[in-house]
PDB file of N, CA and C in Angstrom:
ATOM      1  N   MET A   1       0.954  -1.196   0.100  1.00  0.00           N
ATOM      2  CA  MET A   1      -0.034   0.096  -0.038  1.00  0.00           C
ATOM      3  C   MET A   1       0.806   1.526   0.023  1.00  0.00           C
ATOM      4  N   ASP A   2       2.299   1.104   0.916  1.00  0.00           N
ATOM      5  CA  ASP A   2       3.109   2.627   0.505  1.00  0.00           C
ATOM      6  C   ASP A   2       3.059   2.688  -0.287  1.00  0.00           C
ATOM      7  N   HIS A   3       3.635   2.150  -1.376  1.00  0.00           N
ATOM      8  CA  HIS A   3       4.901   2.285  -2.507  1.00  0.00           C
ATOM      9  C   HIS A   3       3.115   2.497  -3.773  1.00  0.00           C
ATOM     10  N   ALA A   4       2.039   1.805  -2.986  1.00  0.00           N
ATOM     11  CA  ALA A   4       0.800   2.634  -4.288  1.00  0.00           C
ATOM     12  C   ALA A   4       0.454   4.021  -4.104  1.00  0.00           C
ATOM     13  N   LEU A   5       0.624   4.135  -2.808  1.00  0.00           N
ATOM     14  CA  LEU A   5       0.402   5.837  -2.560  1.00  0.00           C
ATOM     15  C   LEU A   5       0.974   6.868  -2.755  1.00  0.00           C
ATOM     16  N   ALA A   6       2.462   5.983  -2.305  1.00  0.00           N
ATOM     17  CA  ALA A   6       3.559   6.687  -3.148  1.00  0.00           C
ATOM     18  C   ALA A   6       3.623   7.591  -4.609  1.00  0.00           C
ATOM     19  N   ASN A   7       3.333   6.438  -5.629  1.00  0.00           N
ATOM     20  CA  ASN A   7       3.180   6.483  -6.836  1.00  0.00           C
ATOM     21  C   ASN A   7       2.501   6.937  -7.361  1.00  0.00           C
ATOM     22  N   ILE A   8       1.349   7.530  -6.578  1.00  0.00           N
ATOM     23  CA  ILE A   8      -0.061   7.666  -6.546  1.00  0.00           C
ATOM     24  C   ILE A   8       0.022   9.586  -6.332  1.00  0.00           C
ATOM     25  N   HIS A   9       1.148   9.930  -5.710  1.00  0.00           N
ATOM     26  CA  HIS A   9       1.731  11.139  -5.416  1.00  0.00           C
ATOM     27  C   HIS A   9       2.696  11.604  -6.621  1.00  0.00           C
ATOM     28  N   ILE A  10       3.432  10.650  -7.114  1.00  0.00           N
ATOM     29  CA  ILE A  10       4.318  11.135  -7.489  1.00  0.00           C
ATOM     30  C   ILE A  10       3.783  10.940  -9.150  1.00  0.00           C
ATOM     31  N   LEU A  11       2.425  10.956  -9.463  1.00  0.00           N
ATOM     32  CA  LEU A  11       1.792  11.419 -10.959  1.00  0.00           C
ATOM     33  C   LEU A  11       1.157  13.116 -10.440  1.00  0.00           C
ATOM     34  N   LYS A  12       1.643  13.447  -9.376  1.00  0.00           N
ATOM     35  CA  LYS A  12       1.468  15.006  -9.243  1.00  0.00           C
ATOM     36  C   LYS A  12       2.627  15.975  -9.981  1.00  0.00           C
ATOM     37  N   ASP A  13       4.023  15.363 -10.183  1.00  0.00           N
ATOM     38  CA  ASP A  13       5.158  15.778 -11.036  1.00  0.00           C
ATOM     39  C   ASP A  13       4.350  15.923 -12.011  1.00  0.00           C
ATOM     40  N   THR A  14       3.970  14.552 -12.530  1.00  0.00           N
ATOM     41  CA  THR A  14       3.595  15.042 -14.586  1.00  0.00           C
ATOM     42  C   THR A  14       2.856  15.858 -14.755  1.00  0.00           C
ATOM     43  N   LEU A  15       1.783  15.707 -14.238  1.00  0.00           N
ATOM     44  CA  LEU A  15       0.406  16.928 -14.051  1.00  0.00           C
ATOM     45  C   LEU A  15       1.144  17.975 -13.965  1.00  0.00           C
ATOM     46  N   GLU A  16       1.706  18.745 -13.098  1.00  0.00           N
ATOM     47  CA  GLU A  16       2.386  19.599 -13.104  1.00  0.00           C
ATOM     48  C   GLU A  16       3.574  20.363 -14.521  1.00  0.00           C
ATOM     49  N   LEU A  17       3.885  19.024 -15.454  1.00  0.00           N
ATOM     50  CA  LEU A  17       4.566  19.185 -16.706  1.00  0.00           C
ATOM     51  C   LEU A  17       3.528  19.459 -17.427  1.00  0.00           C
ATOM     52  N   GLY A  18       2.189  19.132 -17.149  1.00  0.00           N
ATOM     53  CA  GLY A  18       1.608  18.761 -18.287  1.00  0.00           C
ATOM     54  C   GLY A  18       1.358  17.484 -19.303  1.00  0.00           C
ATOM     55  N   ILE A  19       2.094  16.279 -18.612  1.00  0.00           N
ATOM     56  CA  ILE A  19       2.840  15.108 -19.087  1.00  0.00           C
ATOM     57  C   ILE A  19       1.233  13.990 -18.862  1.00  0.00           C
ATOM     58  N   PRO A  20       0.631  13.822 -19.833  1.00  0.00           N
ATOM     59  CA  PRO A  20      -0.331  12.759 -19.227  1.00  0.00           C
ATOM     60  C   PRO A  20       0.367  11.647 -18.824  1.00  0.00           C
ATOM     61  N   CYS A  21      -0.332  10.796 -17.728  1.00  0.00           N
ATOM     62  CA  CYS A  21       0.426  10.174 -16.873  1.00  0.00           C
ATOM     63  C   CYS A  21      -0.731   8.955 -16.117  1.00  0.00           C
ATOM     64  N   GLN A  22      -0.664   7.787 -15.925  1.00  0.00           N
ATOM     65  CA  GLN A  22      -1.583   6.699 -15.275  1.00  0.00           C
ATOM     66  C   GLN A  22      -1.348   5.684 -15.059  1.00  0.00           C
ATOM     67  N   ILE A  23      -1.839   5.400 -13.738  1.00  0.00           N
ATOM     68  CA  ILE A  23      -1.371   3.737 -12.730  1.00  0.00           C
ATOM     69  C   ILE A  23      -2.218   2.865 -13.622  1.00  0.00           C
ATOM     70  N   LEU A  24      -2.373   1.874 -14.285  1.00  0.00           N
ATOM     71  CA  LEU A  24      -3.146   1.247 -14.759  1.00  0.00           C
ATOM     72  C   LEU A  24      -2.602  -0.236 -13.719  1.00  0.00           C
ATOM     73  N   ASP A  25      -3.932  -1.132 -13.971  1.00  0.00           N
ATOM     74  CA  ASP A  25      -3.524  -2.623 -13.360  1.00  0.00           C
ATOM     75  C   ASP A  25      -5.138  -3.262 -14.382  1.00  0.00           C
ATOM     76  N   CYS A  26      -5.065  -4.436 -13.557  1.00  0.00           N
ATOM     77  CA  CYS A  26      -6.232  -5.311 -14.534  1.00  0.00           C
ATOM     78  C   CYS A  26      -7.203  -4.629 -13.620  1.00  0.00           C
ATOM     79  N   TYR A  27      -7.604  -3.702 -12.527  1.00  0.00           N
ATOM     80  CA  TYR A  27      -8.718  -3.288 -12.242  1.00  0.00           C
ATOM     81  C   TYR A  27      -8.591  -1.540 -12.132  1.00  0.00           C
ATOM     82  N   ASN A  28      -8.082  -1.114 -12.171  1.00  0.00           N
ATOM     83  CA  ASN A  28      -7.825   0.436 -11.967  1.00  0.00           C
ATOM     84  C   ASN A  28      -7.361   1.155 -13.170  1.00  0.00           C
ATOM     85  N   ASN A  29      -7.622   2.316 -13.271  1.00  0.00           N
ATOM     86  CA  ASN A  29      -6.888   3.113 -13.918  1.00  0.00           C
ATOM     87  C   ASN A  29      -7.014   4.494 -13.194  1.00  0.00           C
ATOM     88  N   ILE A  30      -5.470   5.028 -12.880  1.00  0.00           N
ATOM     89  CA  ILE A  30      -5.841   6.275 -11.999  1.00  0.00           C
ATOM     90  C   ILE A  30      -4.804   6.963 -12.583  1.00  0.00           C
ATOM     91  N   TYR A  31      -5.483   8.404 -12.262  1.00  0.00           N
ATOM     92  CA  TYR A  31      -4.791   9.382 -13.081  1.00  0.00           C
ATOM     93  C   TYR A  31      -5.128  10.373 -11.952  1.00  0.00           C
ATOM     94  N   LEU A  32      -4.358  11.985 -11.924  1.00  0.00           N
ATOM     95  CA  LEU A  32      -4.729  12.860 -11.797  1.00  0.00           C
ATOM     96  C   LEU A  32      -5.210  13.756 -12.685  1.00  0.00           C
ATOM     97  N   VAL A  33      -6.276  14.923 -12.004  1.00  0.00           N
ATOM     98  CA  VAL A  33      -6.595  15.984 -12.746  1.00  0.00           C
ATOM     99  C   VAL A  33      -7.105  17.618 -12.208  1.00  0.00           C
ATOM    100  N   LYS A  34      -6.313  18.229 -12.968  1.00  0.00           N
ATOM    101  CA  LYS A  34      -6.567  19.848 -12.357  1.00  0.00           C
ATOM    102  C   LYS A  34      -7.303  20.561 -13.020  1.00  0.00           C
ATOM    103  N   ASP A  35      -8.251  20.261 -13.811  1.00  0.00           N
ATOM    104  CA  ASP A  35      -8.859  21.203 -14.768  1.00  0.00           C
ATOM    105  C   ASP A  35     -10.534  20.042 -14.707  1.00  0.00           C
ATOM    106  N   PRO A  36     -10.956  20.765 -15.685  1.00  0.00           N
ATOM    107  CA  PRO A  36     -12.317  19.718 -16.222  1.00  0.00           C
ATOM    108  C   PRO A  36     -12.109  18.335 -16.850  1.00  0.00           C
ATOM    109  N   LYS A  37     -12.641  17.162 -16.374  1.00  0.00           N
ATOM    110  CA  LYS A  37     -12.571  16.372 -17.426  1.00  0.00           C
ATOM    111  C   LYS A  37     -14.207  16.248 -17.787  1.00  0.00           C
ATOM    112  N   THR A  38     -14.105  15.711 -18.952  1.00  0.00           N
ATOM    113  CA  THR A  38     -15.028  14.793 -19.721  1.00  0.00           C
ATOM    114  C   THR A  38     -15.040  13.075 -20.120  1.00  0.00           C
ATOM    115  N   LEU A  39     -15.815  12.473 -19.060  1.00  0.00           N
ATOM    116  CA  LEU A  39     -15.765  10.996 -19.233  1.00  0.00           C
ATOM    117  C   LEU A  39     -16.744  10.382 -20.640  1.00  0.00           C
ATOM    118  N   TYR A  40     -16.714   9.681 -20.841  1.00  0.00           N
ATOM    119  CA  TYR A  40     -17.846   8.479 -21.994  1.00  0.00           C
ATOM    120  C   TYR A  40     -17.714   7.809 -21.094  1.00  0.00           C
ATOM    121  N   LYS A  41     -18.768   6.808 -20.841  1.00  0.00           N
ATOM    122  CA  LYS A  41     -19.610   5.796 -20.412  1.00  0.00           C
ATOM    123  C   LYS A  41     -18.828   4.326 -21.025  1.00  0.00           C
ATOM    124  N   ASN A  42     -19.368   4.408 -22.581  1.00  0.00           N
ATOM    125  CA  ASN A  42     -18.777   3.399 -23.309  1.00  0.00           C
ATOM    126  C   ASN A  42     -16.772   3.651 -23.271  1.00  0.00           C
ATOM    127  N   LYS A  43     -15.965   4.114 -22.818  1.00  0.00           N
ATOM    128  CA  LYS A  43     -14.556   4.504 -23.073  1.00  0.00           C
ATOM    129  C   LYS A  43     -13.773   4.204 -21.606  1.00  0.00           C
ATOM    130  N   THR A  44     -14.530   4.308 -20.347  1.00  0.00           N
ATOM    131  CA  THR A  44     -13.837   4.309 -19.223  1.00  0.00           C
ATOM    132  C   THR A  44     -13.880   2.876 -19.083  1.00  0.00           C
ATOM    133  N   TYR A  45     -12.529   2.542 -17.972  1.00  0.00           N
ATOM    134  CA  TYR A  45     -11.728   1.563 -17.702  1.00  0.00           C
ATOM    135  C   TYR A  45     -13.075   0.541 -16.696  1.00  0.00           C
ATOM    136  N   GLY A  46     -13.100   1.425 -16.332  1.00  0.00           N
ATOM    137  CA  GLY A  46     -14.786   0.344 -15.815  1.00  0.00           C
ATOM    138  C   GLY A  46     -16.070   1.329 -15.198  1.00  0.00           C
ATOM    139  N   LYS A  47     -16.948   0.198 -14.346  1.00  0.00           N
ATOM    140  CA  LYS A  47     -18.051   0.651 -13.931  1.00  0.00           C
ATOM    141  C   LYS A  47     -18.138   1.934 -13.225  1.00  0.00           C
ATOM    142  N   TYR A  48     -17.279   1.982 -12.414  1.00  0.00           N
ATOM    143  CA  TYR A  48     -17.262   3.022 -10.827  1.00  0.00           C
ATOM    144  C   TYR A  48     -16.118   3.814 -11.745  1.00  0.00           C
ATOM    145  N   ILE A  49     -16.414   5.096 -10.678  1.00  0.00           N
ATOM    146  CA  ILE A  49     -15.832   6.339 -10.747  1.00  0.00           C
ATOM    147  C   ILE A  49     -15.588   6.699  -9.086  1.00  0.00           C
ATOM    148  N   SER A  50     -14.095   6.943  -8.755  1.00  0.00           N
ATOM    149  CA  SER A  50     -14.071   7.532  -7.749  1.00  0.00           C
ATOM    150  C   SER A  50     -13.267   8.686  -7.904  1.00  0.00           C
ATOM    151  N   LEU A  51     -13.460  10.039  -7.070  1.00  0.00           N
ATOM    152  CA  LEU A  51     -12.975  10.893  -6.867  1.00  0.00           C
ATOM    153  C   LEU A  51     -12.360  11.035  -5.674  1.00  0.00           C
ATOM    154  N   ILE A  52     -11.231  11.308  -5.617  1.00  0.00           N
ATOM    155  CA  ILE A  52     -10.476  11.834  -3.644  1.00  0.00           C
ATOM    156  C   ILE A  52      -9.506  12.973  -4.175  1.00  0.00           C
ATOM    157  N   PRO A  53      -9.559  13.529  -3.266  1.00  0.00           N
ATOM    158  CA  PRO A  53      -8.904  14.997  -3.282  1.00  0.00           C
ATOM    159  C   PRO A  53      -7.278  14.530  -2.899  1.00  0.00           C
ATOM    160  N   LEU A  54      -6.413  14.993  -4.295  1.00  0.00           N
ATOM    161  CA  LEU A  54      -5.413  14.797  -3.720  1.00  0.00           C
ATOM    162  C   LEU A  54      -4.463  16.538  -2.463  1.00  0.00           C
ATOM    163  N   THR A  55      -5.652  17.359  -3.126  1.00  0.00           N
ATOM    164  CA  THR A  55      -5.021  18.809  -2.206  1.00  0.00           C
ATOM    165  C   THR A  55      -5.887  18.779  -1.463  1.00  0.00           C
ATOM    166  N   THR A  56      -5.931  19.250   0.079  1.00  0.00           N
ATOM    167  CA  THR A  56      -6.446  19.304   1.285  1.00  0.00           C
ATOM    168  C   THR A  56      -8.053  19.218   0.875  1.00  0.00           C
ATOM    169  N   THR A  57      -8.227  20.176  -0.011  1.00  0.00           N
ATOM    170  CA  THR A  57      -9.685  20.779  -0.493  1.00  0.00           C
ATOM    171  C   THR A  57      -9.853  20.814  -2.134  1.00  0.00           C
ATOM    172  N   VAL A  58     -10.674  20.077  -2.633  1.00  0.00           N
ATOM    173  CA  VAL A  58     -11.119  20.370  -3.621  1.00  0.00           C
ATOM    174  C   VAL A  58     -12.294  21.352  -4.032  1.00  0.00           C
ATOM    175  N   GLU A  59     -12.733  22.605  -4.588  1.00  0.00           N
ATOM    176  CA  GLU A  59     -13.538  23.733  -4.477  1.00  0.00           C
ATOM    177  C   GLU A  59     -14.397  23.586  -5.738  1.00  0.00           C
ATOM    178  N   GLY A  60     -15.662  23.643  -5.187  1.00  0.00           N
ATOM    179  CA  GLY A  60     -16.837  23.991  -6.421  1.00  0.00           C
ATOM    180  C   GLY A  60     -16.992  22.791  -7.492  1.00  0.00           C
ATOM    181  N   LEU A  61     -16.925  21.651  -6.588  1.00  0.00           N
ATOM    182  CA  LEU A  61     -16.773  20.780  -7.696  1.00  0.00           C
ATOM    183  C   LEU A  61     -18.444  20.146  -8.362  1.00  0.00           C
ATOM    184  N   THR A  62     -18.426  20.122  -9.237  1.00  0.00           N
ATOM    185  CA  THR A  62     -19.839  19.688  -9.997  1.00  0.00           C
ATOM    186  C   THR A  62     -19.480  18.501 -11.032  1.00  0.00           C
ATOM    187  N   LEU A  63     -20.844  17.464 -10.507  1.00  0.00           N
ATOM    188  CA  LEU A  63     -20.552  16.094 -11.634  1.00  0.00           C
ATOM    189  C   LEU A  63     -22.092  16.001 -12.099  1.00  0.00           C
ATOM    190  N   LYS A  64     -21.866  15.823 -13.445  1.00  0.00           N
ATOM    191  CA  LYS A  64     -23.441  15.827 -14.019  1.00  0.00           C
ATOM    192  C   LYS A  64     -22.677  14.427 -14.736  1.00  0.00           C
ATOM    193  N   GLY A  65     -24.233  13.962 -15.427  1.00  0.00           N
ATOM    194  CA  GLY A  65     -24.070  12.653 -15.687  1.00  0.00           C
ATOM    195  C   GLY A  65     -23.737  11.691 -14.900  1.00  0.00           C
ATOM    196  N   PHE A  66     -23.570  11.297 -13.449  1.00  0.00           N
ATOM    197  CA  PHE A  66     -23.856  10.640 -12.636  1.00  0.00           C
ATOM    198  C   PHE A  66     -24.522  10.104 -12.056  1.00  0.00           C
ATOM    199  N   LYS A  67     -24.658   8.812 -11.431  1.00  0.00           N
ATOM    200  CA  LYS A  67     -25.475   8.340 -10.545  1.00  0.00           C
ATOM    201  C   LYS A  67     -25.903   9.422  -9.327  1.00  0.00           C
ATOM    202  N   TYR A  68     -24.815   9.877  -8.701  1.00  0.00           N
ATOM    203  CA  TYR A  68     -24.471  10.802  -7.863  1.00  0.00           C
ATOM    204  C   TYR A  68     -24.008  12.075  -7.664  1.00  0.00           C
ATOM    205  N   PRO A  69     -25.135  13.544  -8.521  1.00  0.00           N
ATOM    206  CA  PRO A  69     -24.310  14.061  -8.728  1.00  0.00           C
ATOM    207  C   PRO A  69     -24.305  15.100  -7.607  1.00  0.00           C
ATOM    208  N   LEU A  70     -23.382  16.137  -7.933  1.00  0.00           N
ATOM    209  CA  LEU A  70     -23.092  17.104  -7.226  1.00  0.00           C
ATOM    210  C   LEU A  70     -22.980  18.457  -7.588  1.00  0.00           C
ATOM    211  N   ASN A  71     -23.509  19.665  -6.855  1.00  0.00           N
ATOM    212  CA  ASN A  71     -23.607  20.829  -7.593  1.00  0.00           C
ATOM    213  C   ASN A  71     -22.683  22.279  -6.649  1.00  0.00           C
ATOM    214  N   ASN A  72     -21.316  22.553  -7.166  1.00  0.00           N
ATOM    215  CA  ASN A  72     -20.597  23.731  -6.516  1.00  0.00           C
ATOM    216  C   ASN A  72     -20.313  22.847  -4.967  1.00  0.00           C
ATOM    217  N   ALA A  73     -19.983  21.226  -4.730  1.00  0.00           N
ATOM    218  CA  ALA A  73     -19.599  20.950  -3.737  1.00  0.00           C
ATOM    219  C   ALA A  73     -18.058  20.970  -2.822  1.00  0.00           C
ATOM    220  N   CYS A  74     -17.336  21.256  -2.023  1.00  0.00           N
ATOM    221  CA  CYS A  74     -16.714  20.714  -0.905  1.00  0.00           C
ATOM    222  C   CYS A  74     -16.103  19.370  -0.906  1.00  0.00           C
ATOM    223  N   LEU A  75     -15.083  19.392  -1.546  1.00  0.00           N
ATOM    224  CA  LEU A  75     -14.234  17.631  -1.487  1.00  0.00           C
ATOM    225  C   LEU A  75     -13.197  17.739  -0.497  1.00  0.00           C
ATOM    226  N   SER A  76     -13.034  17.055   0.476  1.00  0.00           N
ATOM    227  CA  SER A  76     -12.351  17.931   1.439  1.00  0.00           C
ATOM    228  C   SER A  76     -11.548  16.011   1.669  1.00  0.00           C
ATOM    229  N   ILE A  77     -10.452  16.469   1.586  1.00  0.00           N
ATOM    230  CA  ILE A  77      -9.755  14.876   2.369  1.00  0.00           C
ATOM    231  C   ILE A  77     -10.409  14.246   3.775  1.00  0.00           C
ATOM    232  N   GLY A  78     -10.216  12.962   3.748  1.00  0.00           N
ATOM    233  CA  GLY A  78     -11.320  12.602   4.920  1.00  0.00           C
ATOM    234  C   GLY A  78     -12.281  11.670   4.682  1.00  0.00           C
ATOM    235  N   LEU A  79     -12.999  12.337   3.668  1.00  0.00           N
ATOM    236  CA  LEU A  79     -14.067  11.764   3.508  1.00  0.00           C
ATOM    237  C   LEU A  79     -14.355  11.373   2.470  1.00  0.00           C
ATOM    238  N   SER A  80     -15.387  10.166   2.334  1.00  0.00           N
ATOM    239  CA  SER A  80     -15.631   9.864   1.368  1.00  0.00           C
ATOM    240  C   SER A  80     -16.627   9.477   0.610  1.00  0.00           C
ATOM    241  N   LEU A  81     -17.076  11.160   0.138  1.00  0.00           N
ATOM    242  CA  LEU A  81     -18.278  11.482  -0.618  1.00  0.00           C
ATOM    243  C   LEU A  81     -18.068  11.422  -2.176  1.00  0.00           C
ATOM    244  N   GLY A  82     -16.379  11.549  -2.874  1.00  0.00           N
ATOM    245  CA  GLY A  82     -16.633  11.113  -3.845  1.00  0.00           C
ATOM    246  C   GLY A  82     -15.994   9.434  -3.810  1.00  0.00           C
ATOM    247  N   VAL A  83     -16.314   8.267  -3.412  1.00  0.00           N
ATOM    248  CA  VAL A  83     -15.811   7.228  -3.625  1.00  0.00           C
ATOM    249  C   VAL A  83     -17.056   5.819  -4.229  1.00  0.00           C
ATOM    250  N   SER A  84     -16.915   5.576  -5.382  1.00  0.00           N
ATOM    251  CA  SER A  84     -17.632   4.508  -5.887  1.00  0.00           C
ATOM    252  C   SER A  84     -18.657   5.491  -6.461  1.00  0.00           C
ATOM    253  N   ASN A  85     -18.369   6.389  -7.190  1.00  0.00           N
ATOM    254  CA  ASN A  85     -20.181   6.694  -8.254  1.00  0.00           C
ATOM    255  C   ASN A  85     -19.885   5.720  -9.385  1.00  0.00           C
ATOM    256  N   GLU A  86     -21.129   6.286 -10.429  1.00  0.00           N
ATOM    257  CA  GLU A  86     -21.406   5.347 -11.074  1.00  0.00           C
ATOM    258  C   GLU A  86     -22.037   6.560 -12.597  1.00  0.00           C
ATOM    259  N   ILE A  87     -21.138   6.535 -14.042  1.00  0.00           N
ATOM    260  CA  ILE A  87     -22.068   7.510 -15.079  1.00  0.00           C
ATOM    261  C   ILE A  87     -23.116   6.482 -15.495  1.00  0.00           C
ATOM    262  N   VAL A  88     -24.463   7.564 -15.247  1.00  0.00           N
ATOM    263  CA  VAL A  88     -25.522   7.036 -16.062  1.00  0.00           C
ATOM    264  C   VAL A  88     -26.335   7.132 -17.280  1.00  0.00           C
ATOM    265  N   GLU A  89     -25.265   8.256 -17.535  1.00  0.00           N
ATOM    266  CA  GLU A  89     -25.359   8.912 -19.050  1.00  0.00           C
ATOM    267  C   GLU A  89     -23.974   8.850 -20.072  1.00  0.00           C
ATOM    268  N   GLU A  90     -24.466   8.940 -21.118  1.00  0.00           N
ATOM    269  CA  GLU A  90     -23.224   8.597 -22.257  1.00  0.00           C
ATOM    270  C   GLU A  90     -22.201   9.001 -22.004  1.00  0.00           C
ATOM    271  N   VAL A  91     -22.542  10.589 -21.920  1.00  0.00           N
ATOM    272  CA  VAL A  91     -21.527  11.409 -21.226  1.00  0.00           C
ATOM    273  C   VAL A  91     -21.417  11.970 -19.610  1.00  0.00           C
ATOM    274  N   ALA A  92     -20.441  12.144 -18.954  1.00  0.00           N
ATOM    275  CA  ALA A  92     -19.956  12.812 -17.694  1.00  0.00           C
ATOM    276  C   ALA A  92     -19.180  13.627 -17.717  1.00  0.00           C
ATOM    277  N   THR A  93     -19.600  14.703 -16.966  1.00  0.00           N
ATOM    278  CA  THR A  93     -18.300  15.835 -16.554  1.00  0.00           C
ATOM    279  C   THR A  93     -18.291  15.846 -15.243  1.00  0.00           C
ATOM    280  N   ILE A  94     -16.861  16.227 -14.811  1.00  0.00           N
ATOM    281  CA  ILE A  94     -16.160  16.720 -13.976  1.00  0.00           C
ATOM    282  C   ILE A  94     -16.063  17.900 -13.958  1.00  0.00           C
ATOM    283  N   GLU A  95     -16.271  18.916 -13.071  1.00  0.00           N
ATOM    284  CA  GLU A  95     -16.087  20.691 -13.113  1.00  0.00           C
ATOM    285  C   GLU A  95     -15.924  20.734 -11.488  1.00  0.00           C
ATOM    286  N   PHE A  96     -14.912  21.668 -11.359  1.00  0.00           N
ATOM    287  CA  PHE A  96     -14.006  22.132 -10.078  1.00  0.00           C
ATOM    288  C   PHE A  96     -13.387  23.682 -10.544  1.00  0.00           C
ATOM    289  N   LYS A  97     -13.234  24.465  -9.180  1.00  0.00           N
ATOM    290  CA  LYS A  97     -12.755  25.370  -9.320  1.00  0.00           C
ATOM    291  C   LYS A  97     -11.694  25.580  -8.726  1.00  0.00           C
ATOM    292  N   GLN A  98     -10.938  24.982  -8.095  1.00  0.00           N
ATOM    293  CA  GLN A  98      -9.875  24.578  -7.440  1.00  0.00           C
ATOM    294  C   GLN A  98      -9.388  23.540  -6.831  1.00  0.00           C
ATOM    295  N   GLY A  99      -8.262  22.823  -7.074  1.00  0.00           N
ATOM    296  CA  GLY A  99      -8.059  21.509  -6.166  1.00  0.00           C
ATOM    297  C   GLY A  99      -7.298  20.820  -7.026  1.00  0.00           C
ATOM    298  N   ILE A 100      -6.517  19.280  -6.705  1.00  0.00           N
ATOM    299  CA  ILE A 100      -6.636  18.220  -7.546  1.00  0.00           C
ATOM    300  C   ILE A 100      -6.833  17.301  -7.270  1.00  0.00           C
ATOM    301  N   LEU A 101      -7.750  16.501  -7.955  1.00  0.00           N
ATOM    302  CA  LEU A 101      -8.298  15.419  -7.629  1.00  0.00           C
ATOM    303  C   LEU A 101      -7.779  13.799  -8.492  1.00  0.00           C
ATOM    304  N   ILE A 102      -7.844  12.793  -7.326  1.00  0.00           N
ATOM    305  CA  ILE A 102      -7.263  11.555  -8.084  1.00  0.00           C
ATOM    306  C   ILE A 102      -8.282  11.231  -8.800  1.00  0.00           C
ATOM    307  N   VAL A 103      -8.220  10.418  -9.879  1.00  0.00           N
ATOM    308  CA  VAL A 103      -9.765  10.281 -10.676  1.00  0.00           C
ATOM    309  C   VAL A 103      -9.035   8.592 -10.522  1.00  0.00           C
ATOM    310  N   ILE A 104     -10.156   7.740 -10.103  1.00  0.00           N
ATOM    311  CA  ILE A 104      -9.772   6.261 -10.168  1.00  0.00           C
ATOM    312  C   ILE A 104     -11.269   5.031 -11.459  1.00  0.00           C
ATOM    313  N   GLU A 105     -10.970   4.878 -12.568  1.00  0.00           N
ATOM    314  CA  GLU A 105     -11.997   4.813 -12.665  1.00  0.00           C
ATOM    315  C   GLU A 105     -11.721   2.693 -12.421  1.00  0.00           C
ATOM    316  N   SER A 106     -12.689   2.024 -12.053  1.00  0.00           N
ATOM    317  CA  SER A 106     -12.500   0.666 -11.424  1.00  0.00           C
ATOM    318  C   SER A 106     -13.401  -0.081 -11.811  1.00  0.00           C
ATOM    319  N   LYS A 107     -13.250  -1.540 -12.485  1.00  0.00           N
ATOM    320  CA  LYS A 107     -13.453  -2.774 -12.370  1.00  0.00           C
ATOM    321  C   LYS A 107     -14.126  -3.442 -11.245  1.00  0.00           C
ATOM    322  N   ASP A 108     -14.117  -3.044 -10.376  1.00  0.00           N
ATOM    323  CA  ASP A 108     -13.981  -4.223  -9.032  1.00  0.00           C
ATOM    324  C   ASP A 108     -15.111  -3.460  -8.556  1.00  0.00           C
TER     325      ASP A 108
END
């Protein structure tokens, strides 16, 4: 687990350099976002989408096209609010004003 967490934190360096980078295994596609993201239901790595803040907070989080939508929410470290959501429309959007999100597209 320690190596997995460290590798997720290393993704921050590539994000800041503008280099697309992800961690893939047979169940998960893990990457970071600091800008709005559009996801397509038929192109995601798995059924579940988890959003976990890498920064202390992610401000103004709005989710559209998800089973559990949000409107201008604050996602803080220590909360499970963003775990195991699902895309229910063909296109889903993740929008936020500030912060960095860990996005996990999961098959399990």
